[in-house]
Amino acid sequence: MMKKLFGILFLLLICVAGIGFYRGWFSVSTHSDESESHKIDVNLSVDTDKVKADAATVKEKASELTGDAKDEASKLGDQAKDKLQPNQ
């Protein structure tokens, strides 16, 4: 049971990292010092502004979709009520 949980968490982490690099949330840069040729600095940067902008876009799209779904469900419910009620 624990192996499956760790496997799922690891897979989720890999997916988030892949999406993050694709969307530009993360970037990796290297720098080597000319005087010391055996040292290389590796930096991982996180662009929090891009993450927040993408999160806001997702929230906006989700609210649009759920609003549209609620409207359609309401219309279908009204149509079903009209068909079930006897004609007056």
PDB file of N, CA and C in Angstrom:
ATOM      1  N   MET A   1       0.829  -1.192   0.000  1.00  0.00           N
ATOM      2  CA  MET A   1       0.000   0.000   0.000  1.00  0.00           C
ATOM      3  C   MET A   1       0.875   1.260   0.000  1.00  0.00           C
ATOM      4  N   MET A   2       1.909   1.292   0.825  1.00  0.00           N
ATOM      5  CA  MET A   2       2.787   2.452   0.901  1.00  0.00           C
ATOM      6  C   MET A   2       3.593   2.618  -0.389  1.00  0.00           C
ATOM      7  N   LYS A   3       3.975   1.511  -1.019  1.00  0.00           N
ATOM      8  CA  LYS A   3       4.717   1.594  -2.279  1.00  0.00           C
ATOM      9  C   LYS A   3       3.874   2.279  -3.345  1.00  0.00           C
ATOM     10  N   LYS A   4       2.592   1.935  -3.388  1.00  0.00           N
ATOM     11  CA  LYS A   4       1.707   2.555  -4.369  1.00  0.00           C
ATOM     12  C   LYS A   4       1.561   4.045  -4.099  1.00  0.00           C
ATOM     13  N   LEU A   5       1.425   4.406  -2.823  1.00  0.00           N
ATOM     14  CA  LEU A   5       1.287   5.811  -2.457  1.00  0.00           C
ATOM     15  C   LEU A   5       2.529   6.605  -2.845  1.00  0.00           C
ATOM     16  N   PHE A   6       3.711   6.075  -2.525  1.00  0.00           N
ATOM     17  CA  PHE A   6       4.953   6.752  -2.903  1.00  0.00           C
ATOM     18  C   PHE A   6       5.117   6.808  -4.421  1.00  0.00           C
ATOM     19  N   GLY A   7       4.713   5.753  -5.099  1.00  0.00           N
ATOM     20  CA  GLY A   7       4.775   5.746  -6.562  1.00  0.00           C
ATOM     21  C   GLY A   7       3.882   6.814  -7.170  1.00  0.00           C
ATOM     22  N   ILE A   8       2.672   6.956  -6.638  1.00  0.00           N
ATOM     23  CA  ILE A   8       1.747   7.970  -7.130  1.00  0.00           C
ATOM     24  C   ILE A   8       2.286   9.366  -6.833  1.00  0.00           C
ATOM     25  N   LEU A   9       2.804   9.576  -5.630  1.00  0.00           N
ATOM     26  CA  LEU A   9       3.370  10.875  -5.280  1.00  0.00           C
ATOM     27  C   LEU A   9       4.572  11.224  -6.156  1.00  0.00           C
ATOM     28  N   PHE A  10       5.420  10.233  -6.425  1.00  0.00           N
ATOM     29  CA  PHE A  10       6.580  10.451  -7.286  1.00  0.00           C
ATOM     30  C   PHE A  10       6.134  10.798  -8.704  1.00  0.00           C
ATOM     31  N   LEU A  11       5.134  10.093  -9.210  1.00  0.00           N
ATOM     32  CA  LEU A  11       4.609  10.363 -10.545  1.00  0.00           C
ATOM     33  C   LEU A  11       3.998  11.758 -10.609  1.00  0.00           C
ATOM     34  N   LEU A  12       3.297  12.162  -9.570  1.00  0.00           N
ATOM     35  CA  LEU A  12       2.721  13.502  -9.504  1.00  0.00           C
ATOM     36  C   LEU A  12       3.816  14.570  -9.490  1.00  0.00           C
ATOM     37  N   LEU A  13       4.881  14.316  -8.739  1.00  0.00           N
ATOM     38  CA  LEU A  13       6.008  15.245  -8.695  1.00  0.00           C
ATOM     39  C   LEU A  13       6.671  15.389 -10.061  1.00  0.00           C
ATOM     40  N   ILE A  14       6.844  14.287 -10.757  1.00  0.00           N
ATOM     41  CA  ILE A  14       7.442  14.314 -12.096  1.00  0.00           C
ATOM     42  C   ILE A  14       6.539  15.094 -13.057  1.00  0.00           C
ATOM     43  N   CYS A  15       5.231  14.898 -12.962  1.00  0.00           N
ATOM     44  CA  CYS A  15       4.293  15.620 -13.833  1.00  0.00           C
ATOM     45  C   CYS A  15       4.342  17.121 -13.565  1.00  0.00           C
ATOM     46  N   VAL A  16       4.346  17.516 -12.301  1.00  0.00           N
ATOM     47  CA  VAL A  16       4.410  18.941 -11.956  1.00  0.00           C
ATOM     48  C   VAL A  16       5.721  19.549 -12.451  1.00  0.00           C
ATOM     49  N   ALA A  17       6.818  18.827 -12.276  1.00  0.00           N
ATOM     50  CA  ALA A  17       8.112  19.338 -12.742  1.00  0.00           C
ATOM     51  C   ALA A  17       8.121  19.474 -14.261  1.00  0.00           C
ATOM     52  N   GLY A  18       7.601  18.492 -14.968  1.00  0.00           N
ATOM     53  CA  GLY A  18       7.554  18.559 -16.425  1.00  0.00           C
ATOM     54  C   GLY A  18       6.697  19.710 -16.917  1.00  0.00           C
ATOM     55  N   ILE A  19       5.516  19.850 -16.327  1.00  0.00           N
ATOM     56  CA  ILE A  19       4.639  20.962 -16.713  1.00  0.00           C
ATOM     57  C   ILE A  19       5.286  22.290 -16.351  1.00  0.00           C
ATOM     58  N   GLY A  20       5.939  22.344 -15.192  1.00  0.00           N
ATOM     59  CA  GLY A  20       6.591  23.577 -14.757  1.00  0.00           C
ATOM     60  C   GLY A  20       7.697  24.022 -15.692  1.00  0.00           C
ATOM     61  N   PHE A  21       8.521  23.087 -16.148  1.00  0.00           N
ATOM     62  CA  PHE A  21       9.578  23.447 -17.098  1.00  0.00           C
ATOM     63  C   PHE A  21       8.977  23.835 -18.444  1.00  0.00           C
ATOM     64  N   TYR A  22       7.932  23.128 -18.860  1.00  0.00           N
ATOM     65  CA  TYR A  22       7.288  23.438 -20.140  1.00  0.00           C
ATOM     66  C   TYR A  22       6.650  24.824 -20.118  1.00  0.00           C
ATOM     67  N   ARG A  23       5.971  25.168 -19.020  1.00  0.00           N
ATOM     68  CA  ARG A  23       5.279  26.456 -18.908  1.00  0.00           C
ATOM     69  C   ARG A  23       6.217  27.599 -18.534  1.00  0.00           C
ATOM     70  N   GLY A  24       7.464  27.294 -18.217  1.00  0.00           N
ATOM     71  CA  GLY A  24       8.427  28.334 -17.885  1.00  0.00           C
ATOM     72  C   GLY A  24       8.413  28.753 -16.423  1.00  0.00           C
ATOM     73  N   TRP A  25       7.831  27.916 -15.557  1.00  0.00           N
ATOM     74  CA  TRP A  25       7.828  28.219 -14.124  1.00  0.00           C
ATOM     75  C   TRP A  25       9.214  28.038 -13.538  1.00  0.00           C
ATOM     76  N   PHE A  26       9.946  27.056 -14.053  1.00  0.00           N
ATOM     77  CA  PHE A  26      11.281  26.730 -13.546  1.00  0.00           C
ATOM     78  C   PHE A  26      12.304  26.918 -14.652  1.00  0.00           C
ATOM     79  N   SER A  27      13.501  27.286 -14.266  1.00  0.00           N
ATOM     80  CA  SER A  27      14.602  27.339 -15.230  1.00  0.00           C
ATOM     81  C   SER A  27      15.897  26.959 -14.511  1.00  0.00           C
ATOM     82  N   VAL A  28      16.772  26.328 -15.262  1.00  0.00           N
ATOM     83  CA  VAL A  28      18.066  25.899 -14.730  1.00  0.00           C
ATOM     84  C   VAL A  28      19.150  26.642 -15.495  1.00  0.00           C
ATOM     85  N   SER A  29      20.110  27.178 -14.761  1.00  0.00           N
ATOM     86  CA  SER A  29      21.227  27.854 -15.403  1.00  0.00           C
ATOM     87  C   SER A  29      22.529  27.383 -14.754  1.00  0.00           C
ATOM     88  N   THR A  30      23.591  27.436 -15.542  1.00  0.00           N
ATOM     89  CA  THR A  30      24.908  27.047 -15.034  1.00  0.00           C
ATOM     90  C   THR A  30      25.893  28.175 -15.272  1.00  0.00           C
ATOM     91  N   HIS A  31      26.886  28.191 -14.430  1.00  0.00           N
ATOM     92  CA  HIS A  31      27.946  29.189 -14.555  1.00  0.00           C
ATOM     93  C   HIS A  31      29.239  28.550 -14.079  1.00  0.00           C
ATOM     94  N   SER A  32      30.267  28.625 -14.915  1.00  0.00           N
ATOM     95  CA  SER A  32      31.571  28.113 -14.500  1.00  0.00           C
ATOM     96  C   SER A  32      32.537  29.273 -14.333  1.00  0.00           C
ATOM     97  N   ASP A  33      33.299  29.207 -13.293  1.00  0.00           N
ATOM     98  CA  ASP A  33      34.276  30.255 -13.000  1.00  0.00           C
ATOM     99  C   ASP A  33      35.527  29.989 -13.830  1.00  0.00           C
ATOM    100  N   GLU A  34      35.998  31.005 -14.529  1.00  0.00           N
ATOM    101  CA  GLU A  34      37.167  30.865 -15.397  1.00  0.00           C
ATOM    102  C   GLU A  34      38.427  30.518 -14.599  1.00  0.00           C
ATOM    103  N   SER A  35      38.568  31.075 -13.417  1.00  0.00           N
ATOM    104  CA  SER A  35      39.793  30.841 -12.655  1.00  0.00           C
ATOM    105  C   SER A  35      39.815  29.447 -12.032  1.00  0.00           C
ATOM    106  N   GLU A  36      38.676  28.947 -11.639  1.00  0.00           N
ATOM    107  CA  GLU A  36      38.588  27.597 -11.060  1.00  0.00           C
ATOM    108  C   GLU A  36      37.785  26.732 -12.019  1.00  0.00           C
ATOM    109  N   SER A  37      38.467  26.010 -12.869  1.00  0.00           N
ATOM    110  CA  SER A  37      37.804  25.256 -13.932  1.00  0.00           C
ATOM    111  C   SER A  37      37.057  24.027 -13.411  1.00  0.00           C
ATOM    112  N   HIS A  38      37.272  23.647 -12.155  1.00  0.00           N
ATOM    113  CA  HIS A  38      36.633  22.447 -11.632  1.00  0.00           C
ATOM    114  C   HIS A  38      35.329  22.748 -10.902  1.00  0.00           C
ATOM    115  N   LYS A  39      34.918  23.994 -10.861  1.00  0.00           N
ATOM    116  CA  LYS A  39      33.687  24.347 -10.153  1.00  0.00           C
ATOM    117  C   LYS A  39      32.658  24.888 -11.138  1.00  0.00           C
ATOM    118  N   ILE A  40      31.461  24.338 -11.022  1.00  0.00           N
ATOM    119  CA  ILE A  40      30.337  24.793 -11.840  1.00  0.00           C
ATOM    120  C   ILE A  40      29.173  25.065 -10.899  1.00  0.00           C
ATOM    121  N   ASP A  41      28.597  26.245 -11.019  1.00  0.00           N
ATOM    122  CA  ASP A  41      27.417  26.593 -10.239  1.00  0.00           C
ATOM    123  C   ASP A  41      26.170  26.267 -11.056  1.00  0.00           C
ATOM    124  N   VAL A  42      25.244  25.546 -10.432  1.00  0.00           N
ATOM    125  CA  VAL A  42      23.970  25.214 -11.066  1.00  0.00           C
ATOM    126  C   VAL A  42      22.875  25.895 -10.257  1.00  0.00           C
ATOM    127  N   ASN A  43      22.043  26.670 -10.931  1.00  0.00           N
ATOM    128  CA  ASN A  43      20.977  27.409 -10.256  1.00  0.00           C
ATOM    129  C   ASN A  43      19.619  26.987 -10.790  1.00  0.00           C
ATOM    130  N   LEU A  44      18.674  26.789  -9.884  1.00  0.00           N
ATOM    131  CA  LEU A  44      17.292  26.515 -10.226  1.00  0.00           C
ATOM    132  C   LEU A  44      16.483  27.739  -9.834  1.00  0.00           C
ATOM    133  N   SER A  45      15.805  28.335 -10.808  1.00  0.00           N
ATOM    134  CA  SER A  45      15.011  29.535 -10.550  1.00  0.00           C
ATOM    135  C   SER A  45      13.534  29.212 -10.709  1.00  0.00           C
ATOM    136  N   VAL A  46      12.709  29.826  -9.872  1.00  0.00           N
ATOM    137  CA  VAL A  46      11.261  29.672  -9.945  1.00  0.00           C
ATOM    138  C   VAL A  46      10.663  31.040 -10.231  1.00  0.00           C
ATOM    139  N   ASP A  47       9.882  31.125 -11.296  1.00  0.00           N
ATOM    140  CA  ASP A  47       9.211  32.374 -11.658  1.00  0.00           C
ATOM    141  C   ASP A  47       7.818  32.355 -11.029  1.00  0.00           C
ATOM    142  N   THR A  48       7.699  32.895  -9.819  1.00  0.00           N
ATOM    143  CA  THR A  48       6.434  32.850  -9.091  1.00  0.00           C
ATOM    144  C   THR A  48       5.347  33.668  -9.772  1.00  0.00           C
ATOM    145  N   ASP A  49       5.731  34.696 -10.510  1.00  0.00           N
ATOM    146  CA  ASP A  49       4.728  35.490 -11.217  1.00  0.00           C
ATOM    147  C   ASP A  49       4.030  34.664 -12.298  1.00  0.00           C
ATOM    148  N   LYS A  50       4.791  33.839 -13.019  1.00  0.00           N
ATOM    149  CA  LYS A  50       4.187  32.976 -14.036  1.00  0.00           C
ATOM    150  C   LYS A  50       3.290  31.927 -13.393  1.00  0.00           C
ATOM    151  N   VAL A  51       3.726  31.380 -12.264  1.00  0.00           N
ATOM    152  CA  VAL A  51       2.922  30.374 -11.571  1.00  0.00           C
ATOM    153  C   VAL A  51       1.594  30.998 -11.135  1.00  0.00           C
ATOM    154  N   LYS A  52       1.648  32.187 -10.544  1.00  0.00           N
ATOM    155  CA  LYS A  52       0.427  32.862 -10.092  1.00  0.00           C
ATOM    156  C   LYS A  52      -0.470  33.218 -11.266  1.00  0.00           C
ATOM    157  N   ALA A  53       0.117  33.677 -12.367  1.00  0.00           N
ATOM    158  CA  ALA A  53      -0.683  34.032 -13.549  1.00  0.00           C
ATOM    159  C   ALA A  53      -1.383  32.797 -14.122  1.00  0.00           C
ATOM    160  N   ASP A  54      -0.667  31.677 -14.194  1.00  0.00           N
ATOM    161  CA  ASP A  54      -1.275  30.450 -14.699  1.00  0.00           C
ATOM    162  C   ASP A  54      -2.361  29.945 -13.754  1.00  0.00           C
ATOM    163  N   ALA A  55      -2.139  30.074 -12.446  1.00  0.00           N
ATOM    164  CA  ALA A  55      -3.144  29.648 -11.477  1.00  0.00           C
ATOM    165  C   ALA A  55      -4.407  30.498 -11.605  1.00  0.00           C
ATOM    166  N   ALA A  56      -4.239  31.801 -11.805  1.00  0.00           N
ATOM    167  CA  ALA A  56      -5.398  32.682 -11.977  1.00  0.00           C
ATOM    168  C   ALA A  56      -6.152  32.326 -13.257  1.00  0.00           C
ATOM    169  N   THR A  57      -5.432  32.016 -14.325  1.00  0.00           N
ATOM    170  CA  THR A  57      -6.070  31.633 -15.581  1.00  0.00           C
ATOM    171  C   THR A  57      -6.856  30.337 -15.412  1.00  0.00           C
ATOM    172  N   VAL A  58      -6.282  29.385 -14.705  1.00  0.00           N
ATOM    173  CA  VAL A  58      -6.969  28.113 -14.478  1.00  0.00           C
ATOM    174  C   VAL A  58      -8.232  28.336 -13.650  1.00  0.00           C
ATOM    175  N   LYS A  59      -8.147  29.155 -12.605  1.00  0.00           N
ATOM    176  CA  LYS A  59      -9.330  29.438 -11.790  1.00  0.00           C
ATOM    177  C   LYS A  59     -10.413  30.110 -12.619  1.00  0.00           C
ATOM    178  N   GLU A  60     -10.021  31.043 -13.465  1.00  0.00           N
ATOM    179  CA  GLU A  60     -10.968  31.761 -14.314  1.00  0.00           C
ATOM    180  C   GLU A  60     -11.667  30.810 -15.286  1.00  0.00           C
ATOM    181  N   LYS A  61     -10.885  29.975 -15.945  1.00  0.00           N
ATOM    182  CA  LYS A  61     -11.465  29.025 -16.903  1.00  0.00           C
ATOM    183  C   LYS A  61     -12.358  28.012 -16.192  1.00  0.00           C
ATOM    184  N   ALA A  62     -11.947  27.565 -15.009  1.00  0.00           N
ATOM    185  CA  ALA A  62     -12.751  26.594 -14.260  1.00  0.00           C
ATOM    186  C   ALA A  62     -14.083  27.204 -13.842  1.00  0.00           C
ATOM    187  N   SER A  63     -14.070  28.451 -13.408  1.00  0.00           N
ATOM    188  CA  SER A  63     -15.331  29.084 -13.017  1.00  0.00           C
ATOM    189  C   SER A  63     -16.229  29.298 -14.230  1.00  0.00           C
ATOM    190  N   GLU A  64     -15.651  29.617 -15.392  1.00  0.00           N
ATOM    191  CA  GLU A  64     -16.441  29.734 -16.618  1.00  0.00           C
ATOM    192  C   GLU A  64     -17.095  28.406 -16.962  1.00  0.00           C
ATOM    193  N   LEU A  65     -16.299  27.331 -16.914  1.00  0.00           N
ATOM    194  CA  LEU A  65     -16.825  26.017 -17.281  1.00  0.00           C
ATOM    195  C   LEU A  65     -17.888  25.548 -16.304  1.00  0.00           C
ATOM    196  N   THR A  66     -17.656  25.755 -15.005  1.00  0.00           N
ATOM    197  CA  THR A  66     -18.655  25.317 -14.029  1.00  0.00           C
ATOM    198  C   THR A  66     -19.912  26.166 -14.130  1.00  0.00           C
ATOM    199  N   GLY A  67     -19.755  27.460 -14.424  1.00  0.00           N
ATOM    200  CA  GLY A  67     -20.929  28.314 -14.615  1.00  0.00           C
ATOM    201  C   GLY A  67     -21.748  27.869 -15.817  1.00  0.00           C
ATOM    202  N   ASP A  68     -21.078  27.557 -16.918  1.00  0.00           N
ATOM    203  CA  ASP A  68     -21.769  27.078 -18.109  1.00  0.00           C
ATOM    204  C   ASP A  68     -22.455  25.747 -17.831  1.00  0.00           C
ATOM    205  N   ALA A  69     -21.779  24.869 -17.103  1.00  0.00           N
ATOM    206  CA  ALA A  69     -22.355  23.564 -16.785  1.00  0.00           C
ATOM    207  C   ALA A  69     -23.587  23.727 -15.886  1.00  0.00           C
ATOM    208  N   LYS A  70     -23.526  24.641 -14.925  1.00  0.00           N
ATOM    209  CA  LYS A  70     -24.672  24.876 -14.049  1.00  0.00           C
ATOM    210  C   LYS A  70     -25.851  25.424 -14.846  1.00  0.00           C
ATOM    211  N   ASP A  71     -25.595  26.349 -15.760  1.00  0.00           N
ATOM    212  CA  ASP A  71     -26.660  26.911 -16.589  1.00  0.00           C
ATOM    213  C   ASP A  71     -27.323  25.828 -17.439  1.00  0.00           C
ATOM    214  N   GLU A  72     -26.501  24.990 -18.067  1.00  0.00           N
ATOM    215  CA  GLU A  72     -27.042  23.913 -18.899  1.00  0.00           C
ATOM    216  C   GLU A  72     -27.826  22.910 -18.060  1.00  0.00           C
ATOM    217  N   ALA A  73     -27.323  22.586 -16.885  1.00  0.00           N
ATOM    218  CA  ALA A  73     -28.028  21.652 -16.006  1.00  0.00           C
ATOM    219  C   ALA A  73     -29.355  22.244 -15.570  1.00  0.00           C
ATOM    220  N   SER A  74     -29.383  23.522 -15.289  1.00  0.00           N
ATOM    221  CA  SER A  74     -30.624  24.184 -14.898  1.00  0.00           C
ATOM    222  C   SER A  74     -31.636  24.150 -16.036  1.00  0.00           C
ATOM    223  N   LYS A  75     -31.176  24.421 -17.264  1.00  0.00           N
ATOM    224  CA  LYS A  75     -32.070  24.372 -18.423  1.00  0.00           C
ATOM    225  C   LYS A  75     -32.630  22.970 -18.624  1.00  0.00           C
ATOM    226  N   LEU A  76     -31.768  21.967 -18.509  1.00  0.00           N
ATOM    227  CA  LEU A  76     -32.224  20.590 -18.677  1.00  0.00           C
ATOM    228  C   LEU A  76     -33.210  20.202 -17.579  1.00  0.00           C
ATOM    229  N   GLY A  77     -32.947  20.659 -16.364  1.00  0.00           N
ATOM    230  CA  GLY A  77     -33.868  20.386 -15.260  1.00  0.00           C
ATOM    231  C   GLY A  77     -35.225  21.017 -15.501  1.00  0.00           C
ATOM    232  N   ASP A  78     -35.228  22.242 -15.988  1.00  0.00           N
ATOM    233  CA  ASP A  78     -36.495  22.915 -16.294  1.00  0.00           C
ATOM    234  C   ASP A  78     -37.250  22.193 -17.401  1.00  0.00           C
ATOM    235  N   GLN A  79     -36.526  21.728 -18.420  1.00  0.00           N
ATOM    236  CA  GLN A  79     -37.169  20.994 -19.507  1.00  0.00           C
ATOM    237  C   GLN A  79     -37.769  19.692 -18.992  1.00  0.00           C
ATOM    238  N   ALA A  80     -37.055  19.006 -18.110  1.00  0.00           N
ATOM    239  CA  ALA A  80     -37.563  17.753 -17.554  1.00  0.00           C
ATOM    240  C   ALA A  80     -38.808  17.999 -16.707  1.00  0.00           C
ATOM    241  N   LYS A  81     -38.802  19.077 -15.924  1.00  0.00           N
ATOM    242  CA  LYS A  81     -39.980  19.408 -15.114  1.00  0.00           C
ATOM    243  C   LYS A  81     -41.176  19.713 -16.000  1.00  0.00           C
ATOM    244  N   ASP A  82     -40.950  20.443 -17.098  1.00  0.00           N
ATOM    245  CA  ASP A  82     -42.033  20.780 -18.014  1.00  0.00           C
ATOM    246  C   ASP A  82     -42.627  19.516 -18.638  1.00  0.00           C
ATOM    247  N   LYS A  83     -41.806  18.549 -18.969  1.00  0.00           N
ATOM    248  CA  LYS A  83     -42.300  17.320 -19.592  1.00  0.00           C
ATOM    249  C   LYS A  83     -43.034  16.439 -18.589  1.00  0.00           C
ATOM    250  N   LEU A  84     -42.631  16.470 -17.314  1.00  0.00           N
ATOM    251  CA  LEU A  84     -43.253  15.640 -16.300  1.00  0.00           C
ATOM    252  C   LEU A  84     -44.574  16.216 -15.790  1.00  0.00           C
ATOM    253  N   GLN A  85     -44.732  17.514 -15.859  1.00  0.00           N
ATOM    254  CA  GLN A  85     -45.967  18.142 -15.383  1.00  0.00           C
ATOM    255  C   GLN A  85     -47.060  17.984 -16.430  1.00  0.00           C
ATOM    256  N   PRO A  86     -48.277  17.684 -15.993  1.00  0.00           N
ATOM    257  CA  PRO A  86     -49.375  17.572 -16.970  1.00  0.00           C
ATOM    258  C   PRO A  86     -49.692  18.929 -17.583  1.00  0.00           C
ATOM    259  N   ASN A  87     -50.134  18.899 -18.815  1.00  0.00           N
ATOM    260  CA  ASN A  87     -50.467  20.162 -19.508  1.00  0.00           C
ATOM    261  C   ASN A  87     -51.663  20.803 -18.849  1.00  0.00           C
ATOM    262  N   GLN A  88     -51.572  22.081 -18.644  1.00  0.00           N
ATOM    263  CA  GLN A  88     -52.667  22.786 -17.968  1.00  0.00           C
ATOM    264  C   GLN A  88     -53.443  23.632 -18.935  1.00  0.00           C
TER     265      GLN A  88
END
